[in-house]
Amino acid sequence: MASSMLPALLLFVAFTAAGIAAAETTPLDEVCGQLGGFYVTPELCASALCSDPTSPCRAAGDAPAVAALAVRLAARNATATKASVEAALSSSNATFAGAEVTKGLQACLELYAGAVTALQWAAASVAAGQYRGAREVLQAAEYIPAGCNGMAGDVAALPKENGGFSYMAMVAHAVVASRIRDY
């Protein structure tokens, strides 16, 4: 008798666990789960948006709030990367790297300076529910790290934040683009 109850008990536990997991799903989980494309997986999305332990990533109340968070984080990330490029440019290592690397870092700094301004605009636009122009800003921002790599000539001269910004811009672009499909 007890052995015939075991499959029923296991089935009950499985359905209960699935129900609890479904009940704990947040808007961030839903947005990231819908991306699941070949370049932005749900895992990459969640890790990019929740990399900062103080980030309110799981507290976003709905998909538009997740999109606003993503663009805000991209703007913040670009600002930090810009500061890192400035520091790399002013360090003695840039001087020893040569004129070509210094020119590349200066050009990279200009890219990030423009990106910061554009991403701040995009963050305000997305917060107001306007996605279309912001999507294009984010799409363009995705190419800044590769542009910096090409201009600097010596990728080692670039701060590690340059590569990190690439992922953040890609995730933010995917999240905002998914909002446009929802309309």
Protein backbone atom coordinates (compact mmCIF):
# COMPACT_ATOMS: atom_id res chain seq x y z
CA MET A 1 0.00 0.00 0.00
CA ALA A 2 2.79 2.44 0.94
CA SER A 3 4.63 1.75 -2.32
CA SER A 4 1.53 2.59 -4.36
CA MET A 5 1.29 5.95 -2.59
CA LEU A 6 4.89 6.87 -3.46
CA PRO A 7 4.25 7.84 -7.11
CA ALA A 8 1.26 9.94 -6.09
CA LEU A 9 3.29 11.64 -3.37
CA LEU A 10 6.16 12.36 -5.78
CA LEU A 11 3.72 13.81 -8.31
CA PHE A 12 2.18 16.01 -5.63
CA VAL A 13 5.62 17.29 -4.55
CA ALA A 14 6.60 18.02 -8.16
CA PHE A 15 3.41 20.02 -8.85
CA THR A 16 3.74 21.89 -5.56
CA ALA A 17 7.36 22.80 -6.30
CA ALA A 18 6.41 23.96 -9.80
CA GLY A 19 3.63 26.09 -8.36
CA ILE A 20 5.95 27.69 -5.83
CA ALA A 21 8.55 28.42 -8.53
CA ALA A 22 5.88 29.97 -10.74
CA ALA A 23 4.63 32.08 -7.86
CA GLU A 24 8.14 33.47 -7.30
CA THR A 25 8.57 34.64 -10.89
CA THR A 26 9.28 38.37 -11.10
CA PRO A 27 8.78 40.75 -14.03
CA LEU A 28 12.56 40.61 -14.51
CA ASP A 29 12.35 36.82 -14.89
CA GLU A 30 9.52 37.19 -17.39
CA VAL A 31 11.29 39.85 -19.49
CA CYS A 32 14.59 37.98 -19.49
CA GLY A 33 12.82 34.70 -20.21
CA GLN A 34 11.19 36.18 -23.31
CA LEU A 35 14.51 37.30 -24.75
CA GLY A 36 16.10 33.86 -24.87
CA GLY A 37 17.56 34.55 -28.28
CA PHE A 38 20.87 33.37 -29.55
CA TYR A 39 22.73 36.45 -28.33
CA VAL A 40 20.93 37.44 -25.12
CA THR A 41 20.04 34.46 -23.03
CA PRO A 42 17.83 34.75 -19.95
CA GLU A 43 20.90 34.08 -17.81
CA LEU A 44 22.95 36.87 -19.44
CA CYS A 45 20.00 39.24 -19.09
CA ALA A 46 19.51 38.52 -15.39
CA SER A 47 23.21 38.64 -14.57
CA ALA A 48 23.71 41.96 -16.38
CA LEU A 49 20.71 43.59 -14.73
CA CYS A 50 21.44 42.14 -11.29
CA SER A 51 25.25 42.30 -11.19
CA ASP A 52 25.20 45.05 -8.57
CA PRO A 53 23.99 43.66 -5.22
CA THR A 54 22.35 47.01 -4.43
CA SER A 55 20.40 47.01 -7.70
CA PRO A 56 16.62 46.87 -7.33
CA CYS A 57 16.49 44.47 -10.28
CA ARG A 58 14.01 41.99 -8.80
CA ALA A 59 11.83 44.76 -7.37
CA ALA A 60 10.84 46.14 -10.78
CA GLY A 61 7.05 45.94 -10.79
CA ASP A 62 6.45 45.31 -14.48
CA ALA A 63 8.12 45.00 -17.90
CA PRO A 64 8.33 48.78 -18.49
CA ALA A 65 10.12 49.14 -15.14
CA VAL A 66 12.58 46.42 -16.16
CA ALA A 67 13.23 48.28 -19.43
CA ALA A 68 13.77 51.56 -17.55
CA LEU A 69 16.17 49.80 -15.19
CA ALA A 70 18.12 48.28 -18.10
CA VAL A 71 18.65 51.63 -19.81
CA ARG A 72 19.50 53.37 -16.53
CA LEU A 73 22.12 50.70 -15.86
CA ALA A 74 23.52 51.07 -19.38
CA ALA A 75 23.86 54.84 -18.86
CA ARG A 76 25.50 54.29 -15.47
CA ASN A 77 27.82 51.67 -16.96
CA ALA A 78 28.81 53.99 -19.82
CA THR A 79 29.55 56.75 -17.29
CA ALA A 80 31.80 54.42 -15.28
CA THR A 81 33.52 53.16 -18.43
CA LYS A 82 34.12 56.73 -19.59
CA ALA A 83 35.78 57.47 -16.24
CA SER A 84 37.94 54.34 -16.61
CA VAL A 85 39.02 55.38 -20.10
CA GLU A 86 39.88 58.85 -18.74
CA ALA A 87 41.97 57.22 -16.02
CA ALA A 88 43.72 54.98 -18.54
CA LEU A 89 44.43 57.99 -20.73
CA SER A 90 45.93 60.00 -17.88
CA SER A 91 48.00 57.10 -16.55
CA SER A 92 51.67 56.81 -17.32
CA ASN A 93 50.98 53.52 -19.14
CA ALA A 94 49.19 55.39 -21.94
CA THR A 95 52.23 57.63 -22.40
CA PHE A 96 54.53 54.64 -22.68
CA ALA A 97 52.16 52.83 -25.04
CA GLY A 98 52.79 55.35 -27.78
CA ALA A 99 51.06 58.12 -29.65
CA GLU A 100 48.80 55.79 -31.62
CA VAL A 101 47.36 54.19 -28.48
CA THR A 102 46.94 57.61 -26.86
CA LYS A 103 45.03 58.89 -29.89
CA GLY A 104 42.90 55.75 -29.82
CA LEU A 105 42.09 56.23 -26.13
CA GLN A 106 41.18 59.87 -26.79
CA ALA A 107 38.84 58.83 -29.61
CA CYS A 108 37.37 56.13 -27.37
CA LEU A 109 36.80 58.72 -24.67
CA GLU A 110 34.90 60.87 -27.16
CA LEU A 111 32.70 57.92 -28.08
CA TYR A 112 31.84 57.29 -24.45
CA ALA A 113 31.22 61.00 -23.78
CA GLY A 114 28.65 61.03 -26.58
CA ALA A 115 27.19 57.72 -25.43
CA VAL A 116 26.69 58.94 -21.87
CA THR A 117 24.64 61.90 -23.07
CA ALA A 118 22.62 59.79 -25.50
CA LEU A 119 22.02 57.01 -22.96
CA GLN A 120 20.85 59.50 -20.34
CA TRP A 121 18.33 60.76 -22.88
CA ALA A 122 17.33 57.16 -23.67
CA ALA A 123 16.87 56.39 -19.97
CA ALA A 124 14.53 59.37 -19.57
CA SER A 125 12.64 58.39 -22.72
CA VAL A 126 12.14 54.76 -21.65
CA ALA A 127 11.08 55.89 -18.17
CA ALA A 128 8.41 57.97 -19.96
CA GLY A 129 7.32 54.97 -22.05
CA GLN A 130 9.00 56.07 -25.29
CA TYR A 131 11.04 53.19 -26.70
CA ARG A 132 11.70 53.79 -30.39
CA GLY A 133 14.45 56.40 -30.27
CA ALA A 134 15.97 54.74 -27.24
CA ARG A 135 16.24 51.43 -29.06
CA GLU A 136 18.38 53.01 -31.78
CA VAL A 137 20.62 54.72 -29.20
CA LEU A 138 21.17 51.38 -27.47
CA GLN A 139 21.81 49.63 -30.75
CA ALA A 140 24.51 52.18 -31.62
CA ALA A 141 26.00 51.93 -28.11
CA GLU A 142 26.57 48.20 -28.60
CA TYR A 143 29.34 49.01 -31.11
CA ILE A 144 31.31 51.43 -28.94
CA PRO A 145 33.51 48.79 -27.24
CA ALA A 146 34.49 47.25 -30.60
CA GLY A 147 35.20 50.74 -31.95
CA CYS A 148 37.42 51.45 -28.96
CA ASN A 149 39.23 48.15 -29.48
CA GLY A 150 39.93 49.08 -33.09
CA MET A 151 41.01 52.64 -32.38
CA ALA A 152 43.25 51.86 -29.42
CA GLY A 153 45.16 49.29 -31.44
CA ASP A 154 46.31 47.72 -28.18
CA VAL A 155 43.29 46.20 -26.44
CA ALA A 156 45.39 45.82 -23.28
CA ALA A 157 45.46 49.62 -23.00
CA LEU A 158 41.68 49.70 -22.58
CA PRO A 159 40.07 49.27 -19.17
CA LYS A 160 38.17 46.03 -18.56
CA GLU A 161 34.97 48.05 -18.23
CA ASN A 162 34.99 48.52 -22.01
CA GLY A 163 34.18 44.83 -22.48
CA GLY A 164 31.63 44.87 -19.68
CA PHE A 165 29.79 47.75 -21.29
CA SER A 166 29.36 45.67 -24.41
CA TYR A 167 27.23 43.14 -22.53
CA MET A 168 25.22 45.79 -20.70
CA ALA A 169 24.41 47.67 -23.91
CA MET A 170 23.45 44.44 -25.67
CA VAL A 171 21.09 43.40 -22.85
CA ALA A 172 19.52 46.85 -22.56
CA HIS A 173 18.97 46.94 -26.32
CA ALA A 174 17.32 43.51 -26.29
CA VAL A 175 15.05 44.47 -23.37
CA VAL A 176 13.94 47.73 -25.01
CA ALA A 177 13.48 46.05 -28.40
CA SER A 178 11.25 43.45 -26.74
CA ARG A 179 9.06 46.26 -25.40
CA ILE A 180 8.55 47.60 -28.92
CA ARG A 181 7.37 44.18 -30.09
CA ASP A 182 4.79 44.26 -27.28
CA TYR A 183 2.94 47.16 -28.91
